[in-house]
Amino acid sequence: MADGALQVRVVSPDRIVFEGEASAVSAPAWDGYVGILRGHAPMLTLIGSGEMTIDRLGGGTDSFFVAAGVLKVERDKVTLLTEYAGDEPPEEIPAEAIVFADGG
């Protein structure tokens, strides 16, 4: 891992959406957006619906929408498990595309 890098992995039920190094991550937690940089305290939070951004080392940003999931930060590793990740904003996601933990 490069100096100053976060190891980031975003996984949806059907694929690995992103896996690589980043300088920063922003994600929609249930109670507001969370920003993560190297050295962030360990954290586990529920993810709501909204835009997630990953700032790549050396420039460039990946951006996609996520809906429902869990985000874990530990030792400069960020892992997001989400029910949905894609290019469409959450309000345009077909209801049948999202499966909630309670089966609803």
PDB file of N, CA and C in Angstrom:
ATOM      1  N   MET A   1       0.844  -1.175   0.000  1.00  0.00           N
ATOM      2  CA  MET A   1       0.000   0.000   0.000  1.00  0.00           C
ATOM      3  C   MET A   1       0.887   1.235   0.000  1.00  0.00           C
ATOM      4  N   ALA A   2       0.559   2.207  -0.815  1.00  0.00           N
ATOM      5  CA  ALA A   2       1.325   3.448  -0.911  1.00  0.00           C
ATOM      6  C   ALA A   2       1.170   4.278   0.364  1.00  0.00           C
ATOM      7  N   ASP A   3       2.195   5.092   0.674  1.00  0.00           N
ATOM      8  CA  ASP A   3       2.109   5.992   1.815  1.00  0.00           C
ATOM      9  C   ASP A   3       0.925   6.927   1.648  1.00  0.00           C
ATOM     10  N   GLY A   4       0.174   7.130   2.711  1.00  0.00           N
ATOM     11  CA  GLY A   4      -0.969   8.031   2.668  1.00  0.00           C
ATOM     12  C   GLY A   4      -2.198   7.446   2.012  1.00  0.00           C
ATOM     13  N   ALA A   5      -2.200   6.147   1.754  1.00  0.00           N
ATOM     14  CA  ALA A   5      -3.313   5.530   1.027  1.00  0.00           C
ATOM     15  C   ALA A   5      -4.283   4.816   1.955  1.00  0.00           C
ATOM     16  N   LEU A   6      -5.527   4.841   1.550  1.00  0.00           N
ATOM     17  CA  LEU A   6      -6.564   4.007   2.139  1.00  0.00           C
ATOM     18  C   LEU A   6      -6.773   2.823   1.199  1.00  0.00           C
ATOM     19  N   GLN A   7      -6.956   1.652   1.730  1.00  0.00           N
ATOM     20  CA  GLN A   7      -7.368   0.492   0.931  1.00  0.00           C
ATOM     21  C   GLN A   7      -8.887   0.490   0.953  1.00  0.00           C
ATOM     22  N   VAL A   8      -9.512   0.588  -0.192  1.00  0.00           N
ATOM     23  CA  VAL A   8     -10.976   0.711  -0.269  1.00  0.00           C
ATOM     24  C   VAL A   8     -11.549  -0.448  -1.069  1.00  0.00           C
ATOM     25  N   ARG A   9     -12.633  -1.000  -0.543  1.00  0.00           N
ATOM     26  CA  ARG A   9     -13.348  -2.067  -1.239  1.00  0.00           C
ATOM     27  C   ARG A   9     -14.842  -1.831  -1.079  1.00  0.00           C
ATOM     28  N   VAL A  10     -15.553  -1.789  -2.202  1.00  0.00           N
ATOM     29  CA  VAL A  10     -17.004  -1.609  -2.212  1.00  0.00           C
ATOM     30  C   VAL A  10     -17.601  -2.835  -2.893  1.00  0.00           C
ATOM     31  N   VAL A  11     -18.498  -3.514  -2.169  1.00  0.00           N
ATOM     32  CA  VAL A  11     -19.054  -4.775  -2.658  1.00  0.00           C
ATOM     33  C   VAL A  11     -20.580  -4.725  -2.629  1.00  0.00           C
ATOM     34  N   SER A  12     -21.195  -5.097  -3.745  1.00  0.00           N
ATOM     35  CA  SER A  12     -22.646  -5.245  -3.813  1.00  0.00           C
ATOM     36  C   SER A  12     -22.940  -6.736  -3.975  1.00  0.00           C
ATOM     37  N   PRO A  13     -24.196  -7.145  -3.886  1.00  0.00           N
ATOM     38  CA  PRO A  13     -24.491  -8.577  -3.980  1.00  0.00           C
ATOM     39  C   PRO A  13     -24.029  -9.237  -5.280  1.00  0.00           C
ATOM     40  N   ASP A  14     -23.945  -8.467  -6.375  1.00  0.00           N
ATOM     41  CA  ASP A  14     -23.610  -9.091  -7.648  1.00  0.00           C
ATOM     42  C   ASP A  14     -22.197  -8.815  -8.161  1.00  0.00           C
ATOM     43  N   ARG A  15     -21.407  -7.944  -7.466  1.00  0.00           N
ATOM     44  CA  ARG A  15     -20.069  -7.665  -7.980  1.00  0.00           C
ATOM     45  C   ARG A  15     -19.232  -6.858  -6.992  1.00  0.00           C
ATOM     46  N   ILE A  16     -17.941  -6.815  -7.250  1.00  0.00           N
ATOM     47  CA  ILE A  16     -17.060  -5.891  -6.551  1.00  0.00           C
ATOM     48  C   ILE A  16     -17.106  -4.597  -7.361  1.00  0.00           C
ATOM     49  N   VAL A  17     -17.607  -3.546  -6.762  1.00  0.00           N
ATOM     50  CA  VAL A  17     -17.829  -2.284  -7.450  1.00  0.00           C
ATOM     51  C   VAL A  17     -16.524  -1.495  -7.564  1.00  0.00           C
ATOM     52  N   PHE A  18     -15.728  -1.514  -6.499  1.00  0.00           N
ATOM     53  CA  PHE A  18     -14.450  -0.798  -6.487  1.00  0.00           C
ATOM     54  C   PHE A  18     -13.501  -1.526  -5.554  1.00  0.00           C
ATOM     55  N   GLU A  19     -12.249  -1.629  -5.963  1.00  0.00           N
ATOM     56  CA  GLU A  19     -11.212  -2.165  -5.089  1.00  0.00           C
ATOM     57  C   GLU A  19      -9.908  -1.483  -5.472  1.00  0.00           C
ATOM     58  N   GLY A  20      -9.331  -0.747  -4.532  1.00  0.00           N
ATOM     59  CA  GLY A  20      -8.095  -0.058  -4.835  1.00  0.00           C
ATOM     60  C   GLY A  20      -7.705   0.923  -3.749  1.00  0.00           C
ATOM     61  N   GLU A  21      -6.715   1.759  -4.078  1.00  0.00           N
ATOM     62  CA  GLU A  21      -6.202   2.731  -3.128  1.00  0.00           C
ATOM     63  C   GLU A  21      -6.833   4.091  -3.364  1.00  0.00           C
ATOM     64  N   ALA A  22      -6.999   4.837  -2.274  1.00  0.00           N
ATOM     65  CA  ALA A  22      -7.613   6.159  -2.356  1.00  0.00           C
ATOM     66  C   ALA A  22      -7.000   7.073  -1.303  1.00  0.00           C
ATOM     67  N   SER A  23      -7.183   8.372  -1.522  1.00  0.00           N
ATOM     68  CA  SER A  23      -6.730   9.353  -0.535  1.00  0.00           C
ATOM     69  C   SER A  23      -7.872   9.776   0.389  1.00  0.00           C
ATOM     70  N   ALA A  24      -9.120   9.625  -0.070  1.00  0.00           N
ATOM     71  CA  ALA A  24     -10.284  10.017   0.734  1.00  0.00           C
ATOM     72  C   ALA A  24     -11.529   9.296   0.239  1.00  0.00           C
ATOM     73  N   VAL A  25     -12.473   9.112   1.159  1.00  0.00           N
ATOM     74  CA  VAL A  25     -13.758   8.492   0.842  1.00  0.00           C
ATOM     75  C   VAL A  25     -14.858   9.310   1.513  1.00  0.00           C
ATOM     76  N   SER A  26     -15.957   9.498   0.818  1.00  0.00           N
ATOM     77  CA  SER A  26     -17.139  10.134   1.390  1.00  0.00           C
ATOM     78  C   SER A  26     -18.324   9.215   1.113  1.00  0.00           C
ATOM     79  N   ALA A  27     -19.120   8.943   2.163  1.00  0.00           N
ATOM     80  CA  ALA A  27     -20.241   8.017   2.005  1.00  0.00           C
ATOM     81  C   ALA A  27     -21.441   8.483   2.821  1.00  0.00           C
ATOM     82  N   PRO A  28     -22.657   8.141   2.363  1.00  0.00           N
ATOM     83  CA  PRO A  28     -23.871   8.558   3.063  1.00  0.00           C
ATOM     84  C   PRO A  28     -24.239   7.619   4.211  1.00  0.00           C
ATOM     85  N   ALA A  29     -23.865   7.991   5.429  1.00  0.00           N
ATOM     86  CA  ALA A  29     -24.296   7.218   6.595  1.00  0.00           C
ATOM     87  C   ALA A  29     -25.764   7.553   6.873  1.00  0.00           C
ATOM     88  N   TRP A  30     -26.422   6.787   7.739  1.00  0.00           N
ATOM     89  CA  TRP A  30     -27.837   7.023   8.045  1.00  0.00           C
ATOM     90  C   TRP A  30     -28.074   8.400   8.649  1.00  0.00           C
ATOM     91  N   ASP A  31     -27.087   8.910   9.386  1.00  0.00           N
ATOM     92  CA  ASP A  31     -27.268  10.185  10.080  1.00  0.00           C
ATOM     93  C   ASP A  31     -26.481  11.327   9.451  1.00  0.00           C
ATOM     94  N   GLY A  32     -26.081  11.197   8.207  1.00  0.00           N
ATOM     95  CA  GLY A  32     -25.342  12.235   7.502  1.00  0.00           C
ATOM     96  C   GLY A  32     -24.103  11.666   6.838  1.00  0.00           C
ATOM     97  N   TYR A  33     -23.468  12.470   6.015  1.00  0.00           N
ATOM     98  CA  TYR A  33     -22.289  11.986   5.291  1.00  0.00           C
ATOM     99  C   TYR A  33     -21.099  11.838   6.222  1.00  0.00           C
ATOM    100  N   VAL A  34     -20.271  10.845   5.932  1.00  0.00           N
ATOM    101  CA  VAL A  34     -19.044  10.619   6.680  1.00  0.00           C
ATOM    102  C   VAL A  34     -17.876  10.750   5.708  1.00  0.00           C
ATOM    103  N   GLY A  35     -16.830  11.429   6.147  1.00  0.00           N
ATOM    104  CA  GLY A  35     -15.614  11.566   5.361  1.00  0.00           C
ATOM    105  C   GLY A  35     -14.500  10.782   6.026  1.00  0.00           C
ATOM    106  N   ILE A  36     -13.720  10.073   5.233  1.00  0.00           N
ATOM    107  CA  ILE A  36     -12.683   9.208   5.786  1.00  0.00           C
ATOM    108  C   ILE A  36     -11.348   9.519   5.121  1.00  0.00           C
ATOM    109  N   LEU A  37     -10.347   9.771   5.948  1.00  0.00           N
ATOM    110  CA  LEU A  37      -8.972   9.973   5.507  1.00  0.00           C
ATOM    111  C   LEU A  37      -8.094   8.960   6.218  1.00  0.00           C
ATOM    112  N   ARG A  38      -6.855   8.844   5.786  1.00  0.00           N
ATOM    113  CA  ARG A  38      -5.896   7.954   6.441  1.00  0.00           C
ATOM    114  C   ARG A  38      -5.806   8.308   7.924  1.00  0.00           C
ATOM    115  N   GLY A  39      -5.725   7.305   8.776  1.00  0.00           N
ATOM    116  CA  GLY A  39      -5.635   7.515  10.216  1.00  0.00           C
ATOM    117  C   GLY A  39      -6.982   7.665  10.906  1.00  0.00           C
ATOM    118  N   HIS A  40      -8.091   7.468  10.164  1.00  0.00           N
ATOM    119  CA  HIS A  40      -9.429   7.579  10.752  1.00  0.00           C
ATOM    120  C   HIS A  40      -9.588   6.555  11.868  1.00  0.00           C
ATOM    121  N   ALA A  41     -10.298   6.922  12.908  1.00  0.00           N
ATOM    122  CA  ALA A  41     -10.587   6.004  14.010  1.00  0.00           C
ATOM    123  C   ALA A  41     -11.412   4.822  13.498  1.00  0.00           C
ATOM    124  N   PRO A  42     -11.266   3.654  14.114  1.00  0.00           N
ATOM    125  CA  PRO A  42     -12.101   2.520  13.727  1.00  0.00           C
ATOM    126  C   PRO A  42     -13.584   2.889  13.842  1.00  0.00           C
ATOM    127  N   MET A  43     -14.365   2.403  12.899  1.00  0.00           N
ATOM    128  CA  MET A  43     -15.770   2.790  12.853  1.00  0.00           C
ATOM    129  C   MET A  43     -16.578   1.720  12.128  1.00  0.00           C
ATOM    130  N   LEU A  44     -17.820   1.577  12.558  1.00  0.00           N
ATOM    131  CA  LEU A  44     -18.795   0.734  11.881  1.00  0.00           C
ATOM    132  C   LEU A  44     -20.088   1.530  11.852  1.00  0.00           C
ATOM    133  N   THR A  45     -20.653   1.747  10.655  1.00  0.00           N
ATOM    134  CA  THR A  45     -21.867   2.551  10.549  1.00  0.00           C
ATOM    135  C   THR A  45     -22.792   1.997   9.475  1.00  0.00           C
ATOM    136  N   LEU A  46     -24.073   2.247   9.635  1.00  0.00           N
ATOM    137  CA  LEU A  46     -25.055   1.880   8.616  1.00  0.00           C
ATOM    138  C   LEU A  46     -25.022   2.916   7.509  1.00  0.00           C
ATOM    139  N   ILE A  47     -25.205   2.455   6.279  1.00  0.00           N
ATOM    140  CA  ILE A  47     -25.212   3.328   5.116  1.00  0.00           C
ATOM    141  C   ILE A  47     -26.652   3.550   4.677  1.00  0.00           C
ATOM    142  N   GLY A  48     -26.944   4.797   4.335  1.00  0.00           N
ATOM    143  CA  GLY A  48     -28.253   5.140   3.789  1.00  0.00           C
ATOM    144  C   GLY A  48     -28.185   5.141   2.269  1.00  0.00           C
ATOM    145  N   SER A  49     -28.952   6.016   1.652  1.00  0.00           N
ATOM    146  CA  SER A  49     -28.939   6.150   0.199  1.00  0.00           C
ATOM    147  C   SER A  49     -28.334   7.486  -0.184  1.00  0.00           C
ATOM    148  N   GLY A  50     -27.462   7.471  -1.171  1.00  0.00           N
ATOM    149  CA  GLY A  50     -26.864   8.705  -1.634  1.00  0.00           C
ATOM    150  C   GLY A  50     -25.616   8.452  -2.451  1.00  0.00           C
ATOM    151  N   GLU A  51     -24.890   9.530  -2.743  1.00  0.00           N
ATOM    152  CA  GLU A  51     -23.698   9.443  -3.578  1.00  0.00           C
ATOM    153  C   GLU A  51     -22.463   9.153  -2.738  1.00  0.00           C
ATOM    154  N   MET A  52     -21.676   8.195  -3.176  1.00  0.00           N
ATOM    155  CA  MET A  52     -20.393   7.871  -2.550  1.00  0.00           C
ATOM    156  C   MET A  52     -19.294   8.333  -3.492  1.00  0.00           C
ATOM    157  N   THR A  53     -18.258   8.973  -2.940  1.00  0.00           N
ATOM    158  CA  THR A  53     -17.127   9.383  -3.763  1.00  0.00           C
ATOM    159  C   THR A  53     -15.832   8.806  -3.204  1.00  0.00           C
ATOM    160  N   ILE A  54     -14.959   8.431  -4.117  1.00  0.00           N
ATOM    161  CA  ILE A  54     -13.645   7.897  -3.766  1.00  0.00           C
ATOM    162  C   ILE A  54     -12.620   8.715  -4.530  1.00  0.00           C
ATOM    163  N   ASP A  55     -11.786   9.447  -3.792  1.00  0.00           N
ATOM    164  CA  ASP A  55     -10.720  10.233  -4.405  1.00  0.00           C
ATOM    165  C   ASP A  55      -9.504   9.330  -4.568  1.00  0.00           C
ATOM    166  N   ARG A  56      -9.131   9.075  -5.808  1.00  0.00           N
ATOM    167  CA  ARG A  56      -7.999   8.191  -6.090  1.00  0.00           C
ATOM    168  C   ARG A  56      -6.675   8.889  -5.811  1.00  0.00           C
ATOM    169  N   LEU A  57      -5.671   8.093  -5.445  1.00  0.00           N
ATOM    170  CA  LEU A  57      -4.327   8.636  -5.290  1.00  0.00           C
ATOM    171  C   LEU A  57      -3.862   9.163  -6.638  1.00  0.00           C
ATOM    172  N   GLY A  58      -3.225  10.308  -6.654  1.00  0.00           N
ATOM    173  CA  GLY A  58      -2.726  10.854  -7.904  1.00  0.00           C
ATOM    174  C   GLY A  58      -3.772  11.586  -8.723  1.00  0.00           C
ATOM    175  N   GLY A  59      -4.976  11.711  -8.208  1.00  0.00           N
ATOM    176  CA  GLY A  59      -6.015  12.455  -8.913  1.00  0.00           C
ATOM    177  C   GLY A  59      -7.119  11.579  -9.459  1.00  0.00           C
ATOM    178  N   GLY A  60      -8.226  12.202  -9.726  1.00  0.00           N
ATOM    179  CA  GLY A  60      -9.390  11.489 -10.240  1.00  0.00           C
ATOM    180  C   GLY A  60     -10.315  11.063  -9.120  1.00  0.00           C
ATOM    181  N   THR A  61     -11.586  11.051  -9.432  1.00  0.00           N
ATOM    182  CA  THR A  61     -12.600  10.678  -8.450  1.00  0.00           C
ATOM    183  C   THR A  61     -13.576   9.693  -9.072  1.00  0.00           C
ATOM    184  N   ASP A  62     -13.878   8.635  -8.341  1.00  0.00           N
ATOM    185  CA  ASP A  62     -14.933   7.707  -8.736  1.00  0.00           C
ATOM    186  C   ASP A  62     -16.162   8.078  -7.916  1.00  0.00           C
ATOM    187  N   SER A  63     -17.305   8.090  -8.565  1.00  0.00           N
ATOM    188  CA  SER A  63     -18.537   8.467  -7.904  1.00  0.00           C
ATOM    189  C   SER A  63     -19.646   7.530  -8.347  1.00  0.00           C
ATOM    190  N   PHE A  64     -20.428   7.049  -7.388  1.00  0.00           N
ATOM    191  CA  PHE A  64     -21.577   6.224  -7.698  1.00  0.00           C
ATOM    192  C   PHE A  64     -22.569   6.310  -6.557  1.00  0.00           C
ATOM    193  N   PHE A  65     -23.777   5.852  -6.811  1.00  0.00           N
ATOM    194  CA  PHE A  65     -24.817   5.899  -5.810  1.00  0.00           C
ATOM    195  C   PHE A  65     -24.900   4.565  -5.089  1.00  0.00           C
ATOM    196  N   VAL A  66     -25.135   4.632  -3.775  1.00  0.00           N
ATOM    197  CA  VAL A  66     -25.282   3.429  -2.969  1.00  0.00           C
ATOM    198  C   VAL A  66     -26.602   3.511  -2.209  1.00  0.00           C
ATOM    199  N   ALA A  67     -27.119   2.363  -1.833  1.00  0.00           N
ATOM    200  CA  ALA A  67     -28.369   2.314  -1.075  1.00  0.00           C
ATOM    201  C   ALA A  67     -28.324   1.150  -0.109  1.00  0.00           C
ATOM    202  N   ALA A  68     -28.402   1.454   1.159  1.00  0.00           N
ATOM    203  CA  ALA A  68     -28.457   0.471   2.242  1.00  0.00           C
ATOM    204  C   ALA A  68     -27.179  -0.362   2.330  1.00  0.00           C
ATOM    205  N   GLY A  69     -26.664  -0.472   3.522  1.00  0.00           N
ATOM    206  CA  GLY A  69     -25.474  -1.286   3.719  1.00  0.00           C
ATOM    207  C   GLY A  69     -24.751  -0.959   5.000  1.00  0.00           C
ATOM    208  N   VAL A  70     -23.506  -1.421   5.070  1.00  0.00           N
ATOM    209  CA  VAL A  70     -22.658  -1.241   6.243  1.00  0.00           C
ATOM    210  C   VAL A  70     -21.281  -0.793   5.785  1.00  0.00           C
ATOM    211  N   LEU A  71     -20.703   0.177   6.506  1.00  0.00           N
ATOM    212  CA  LEU A  71     -19.371   0.665   6.210  1.00  0.00           C
ATOM    213  C   LEU A  71     -18.483   0.408   7.429  1.00  0.00           C
ATOM    214  N   LYS A  72     -17.313  -0.157   7.177  1.00  0.00           N
ATOM    215  CA  LYS A  72     -16.357  -0.458   8.245  1.00  0.00           C
ATOM    216  C   LYS A  72     -15.035   0.216   7.923  1.00  0.00           C
ATOM    217  N   VAL A  73     -14.450   0.876   8.932  1.00  0.00           N
ATOM    218  CA  VAL A  73     -13.121   1.474   8.808  1.00  0.00           C
ATOM    219  C   VAL A  73     -12.249   0.869   9.896  1.00  0.00           C
ATOM    220  N   GLU A  74     -11.104   0.329   9.488  1.00  0.00           N
ATOM    221  CA  GLU A  74     -10.169  -0.256  10.449  1.00  0.00           C
ATOM    222  C   GLU A  74      -8.780  -0.274   9.827  1.00  0.00           C
ATOM    223  N   ARG A  75      -7.822   0.343  10.508  1.00  0.00           N
ATOM    224  CA  ARG A  75      -6.417   0.359  10.083  1.00  0.00           C
ATOM    225  C   ARG A  75      -6.252   0.789   8.621  1.00  0.00           C
ATOM    226  N   ASP A  76      -6.827   1.911   8.269  1.00  0.00           N
ATOM    227  CA  ASP A  76      -6.734   2.477   6.920  1.00  0.00           C
ATOM    228  C   ASP A  76      -7.317   1.575   5.839  1.00  0.00           C
ATOM    229  N   LYS A  77      -8.231   0.707   6.239  1.00  0.00           N
ATOM    230  CA  LYS A  77      -8.987  -0.112   5.293  1.00  0.00           C
ATOM    231  C   LYS A  77     -10.454   0.259   5.419  1.00  0.00           C
ATOM    232  N   VAL A  78     -11.059   0.576   4.292  1.00  0.00           N
ATOM    233  CA  VAL A  78     -12.467   0.961   4.243  1.00  0.00           C
ATOM    234  C   VAL A  78     -13.201  -0.103   3.434  1.00  0.00           C
ATOM    235  N   THR A  79     -14.201  -0.713   4.059  1.00  0.00           N
ATOM    236  CA  THR A  79     -14.997  -1.732   3.375  1.00  0.00           C
ATOM    237  C   THR A  79     -16.460  -1.327   3.445  1.00  0.00           C
ATOM    238  N   LEU A  80     -17.111  -1.272   2.290  1.00  0.00           N
ATOM    239  CA  LEU A  80     -18.529  -0.961   2.234  1.00  0.00           C
ATOM    240  C   LEU A  80     -19.250  -2.130   1.583  1.00  0.00           C
ATOM    241  N   LEU A  81     -20.188  -2.713   2.313  1.00  0.00           N
ATOM    242  CA  LEU A  81     -21.064  -3.760   1.778  1.00  0.00           C
ATOM    243  C   LEU A  81     -22.419  -3.104   1.576  1.00  0.00           C
ATOM    244  N   THR A  82     -22.897  -3.098   0.351  1.00  0.00           N
ATOM    245  CA  THR A  82     -24.126  -2.374   0.042  1.00  0.00           C
ATOM    246  C   THR A  82     -25.097  -3.231  -0.758  1.00  0.00           C
ATOM    247  N   GLU A  83     -26.367  -2.967  -0.565  1.00  0.00           N
ATOM    248  CA  GLU A  83     -27.407  -3.662  -1.322  1.00  0.00           C
ATOM    249  C   GLU A  83     -27.417  -3.226  -2.780  1.00  0.00           C
ATOM    250  N   TYR A  84     -26.970  -1.979  -3.042  1.00  0.00           N
ATOM    251  CA  TYR A  84     -26.983  -1.461  -4.409  1.00  0.00           C
ATOM    252  C   TYR A  84     -25.851  -0.457  -4.588  1.00  0.00           C
ATOM    253  N   ALA A  85     -25.173  -0.522  -5.712  1.00  0.00           N
ATOM    254  CA  ALA A  85     -24.192   0.495  -6.110  1.00  0.00           C
ATOM    255  C   ALA A  85     -24.277   0.617  -7.626  1.00  0.00           C
ATOM    256  N   GLY A  86     -24.478   1.840  -8.113  1.00  0.00           N
ATOM    257  CA  GLY A  86     -24.602   2.032  -9.552  1.00  0.00           C
ATOM    258  C   GLY A  86     -24.578   3.488  -9.938  1.00  0.00           C
ATOM    259  N   ASP A  87     -24.865   3.744 -11.204  1.00  0.00           N
ATOM    260  CA  ASP A  87     -24.818   5.101 -11.749  1.00  0.00           C
ATOM    261  C   ASP A  87     -26.109   5.885 -11.537  1.00  0.00           C
ATOM    262  N   GLU A  88     -27.210   5.196 -11.222  1.00  0.00           N
ATOM    263  CA  GLU A  88     -28.489   5.876 -11.071  1.00  0.00           C
ATOM    264  C   GLU A  88     -28.648   6.375  -9.645  1.00  0.00           C
ATOM    265  N   PRO A  89     -29.195   7.583  -9.469  1.00  0.00           N
ATOM    266  CA  PRO A  89     -29.472   8.066  -8.119  1.00  0.00           C
ATOM    267  C   PRO A  89     -30.524   7.194  -7.444  1.00  0.00           C
ATOM    268  N   PRO A  90     -30.500   7.126  -6.109  1.00  0.00           N
ATOM    269  CA  PRO A  90     -31.420   6.234  -5.385  1.00  0.00           C
ATOM    270  C   PRO A  90     -32.881   6.401  -5.751  1.00  0.00           C
ATOM    271  N   GLU A  91     -33.330   7.624  -6.007  1.00  0.00           N
ATOM    272  CA  GLU A  91     -34.753   7.817  -6.319  1.00  0.00           C
ATOM    273  C   GLU A  91     -35.134   7.230  -7.675  1.00  0.00           C
ATOM    274  N   GLU A  92     -34.155   6.891  -8.505  1.00  0.00           N
ATOM    275  CA  GLU A  92     -34.435   6.288  -9.806  1.00  0.00           C
ATOM    276  C   GLU A  92     -34.199   4.772  -9.817  1.00  0.00           C
ATOM    277  N   ILE A  93     -33.830   4.224  -8.673  1.00  0.00           N
ATOM    278  CA  ILE A  93     -33.576   2.785  -8.582  1.00  0.00           C
ATOM    279  C   ILE A  93     -34.913   2.059  -8.497  1.00  0.00           C
ATOM    280  N   PRO A  94     -35.138   1.076  -9.362  1.00  0.00           N
ATOM    281  CA  PRO A  94     -36.387   0.312  -9.260  1.00  0.00           C
ATOM    282  C   PRO A  94     -36.466  -0.384  -7.900  1.00  0.00           C
ATOM    283  N   ALA A  95     -37.617  -0.358  -7.281  1.00  0.00           N
ATOM    284  CA  ALA A  95     -37.797  -0.944  -5.948  1.00  0.00           C
ATOM    285  C   ALA A  95     -37.359  -2.402  -5.903  1.00  0.00           C
ATOM    286  N   GLU A  96     -37.593  -3.132  -6.993  1.00  0.00           N
ATOM    287  CA  GLU A  96     -37.223  -4.554  -6.987  1.00  0.00           C
ATOM    288  C   GLU A  96     -35.704  -4.777  -7.019  1.00  0.00           C
ATOM    289  N   ALA A  97     -34.925  -3.727  -7.267  1.00  0.00           N
ATOM    290  CA  ALA A  97     -33.464  -3.852  -7.306  1.00  0.00           C
ATOM    291  C   ALA A  97     -32.849  -3.838  -5.918  1.00  0.00           C
ATOM    292  N   ILE A  98     -33.622  -3.409  -4.913  1.00  0.00           N
ATOM    293  CA  ILE A  98     -33.090  -3.311  -3.556  1.00  0.00           C
ATOM    294  C   ILE A  98     -33.763  -4.361  -2.682  1.00  0.00           C
ATOM    295  N   VAL A  99     -32.949  -5.162  -2.012  1.00  0.00           N
ATOM    296  CA  VAL A  99     -33.430  -6.171  -1.090  1.00  0.00           C
ATOM    297  C   VAL A  99     -32.996  -5.741   0.296  1.00  0.00           C
ATOM    298  N   PHE A 100     -33.933  -5.551   1.191  1.00  0.00           N
ATOM    299  CA  PHE A 100     -33.607  -5.099   2.543  1.00  0.00           C
ATOM    300  C   PHE A 100     -33.439  -6.286   3.467  1.00  0.00           C
ATOM    301  N   ALA A 101     -32.716  -6.056   4.546  1.00  0.00           N
ATOM    302  CA  ALA A 101     -32.404  -7.124   5.497  1.00  0.00           C
ATOM    303  C   ALA A 101     -33.647  -7.780   6.074  1.00  0.00           C
ATOM    304  N   ASP A 102     -34.731  -7.017   6.202  1.00  0.00           N
ATOM    305  CA  ASP A 102     -35.956  -7.587   6.762  1.00  0.00           C
ATOM    306  C   ASP A 102     -36.812  -8.286   5.718  1.00  0.00           C
ATOM    307  N   GLY A 103     -36.272  -8.368   4.466  1.00  0.00           N
ATOM    308  CA  GLY A 103     -36.996  -9.053   3.403  1.00  0.00           C
ATOM    309  C   GLY A 103     -38.000  -8.168   2.690  1.00  0.00           C
ATOM    310  N   GLY A 104     -38.165  -6.921   3.134  1.00  0.00           N
ATOM    311  CA  GLY A 104     -39.129  -6.014   2.538  1.00  0.00           C
ATOM    312  C   GLY A 104     -38.628  -5.308   1.320  1.00  0.00           C
TER     313      GLY A 104
END
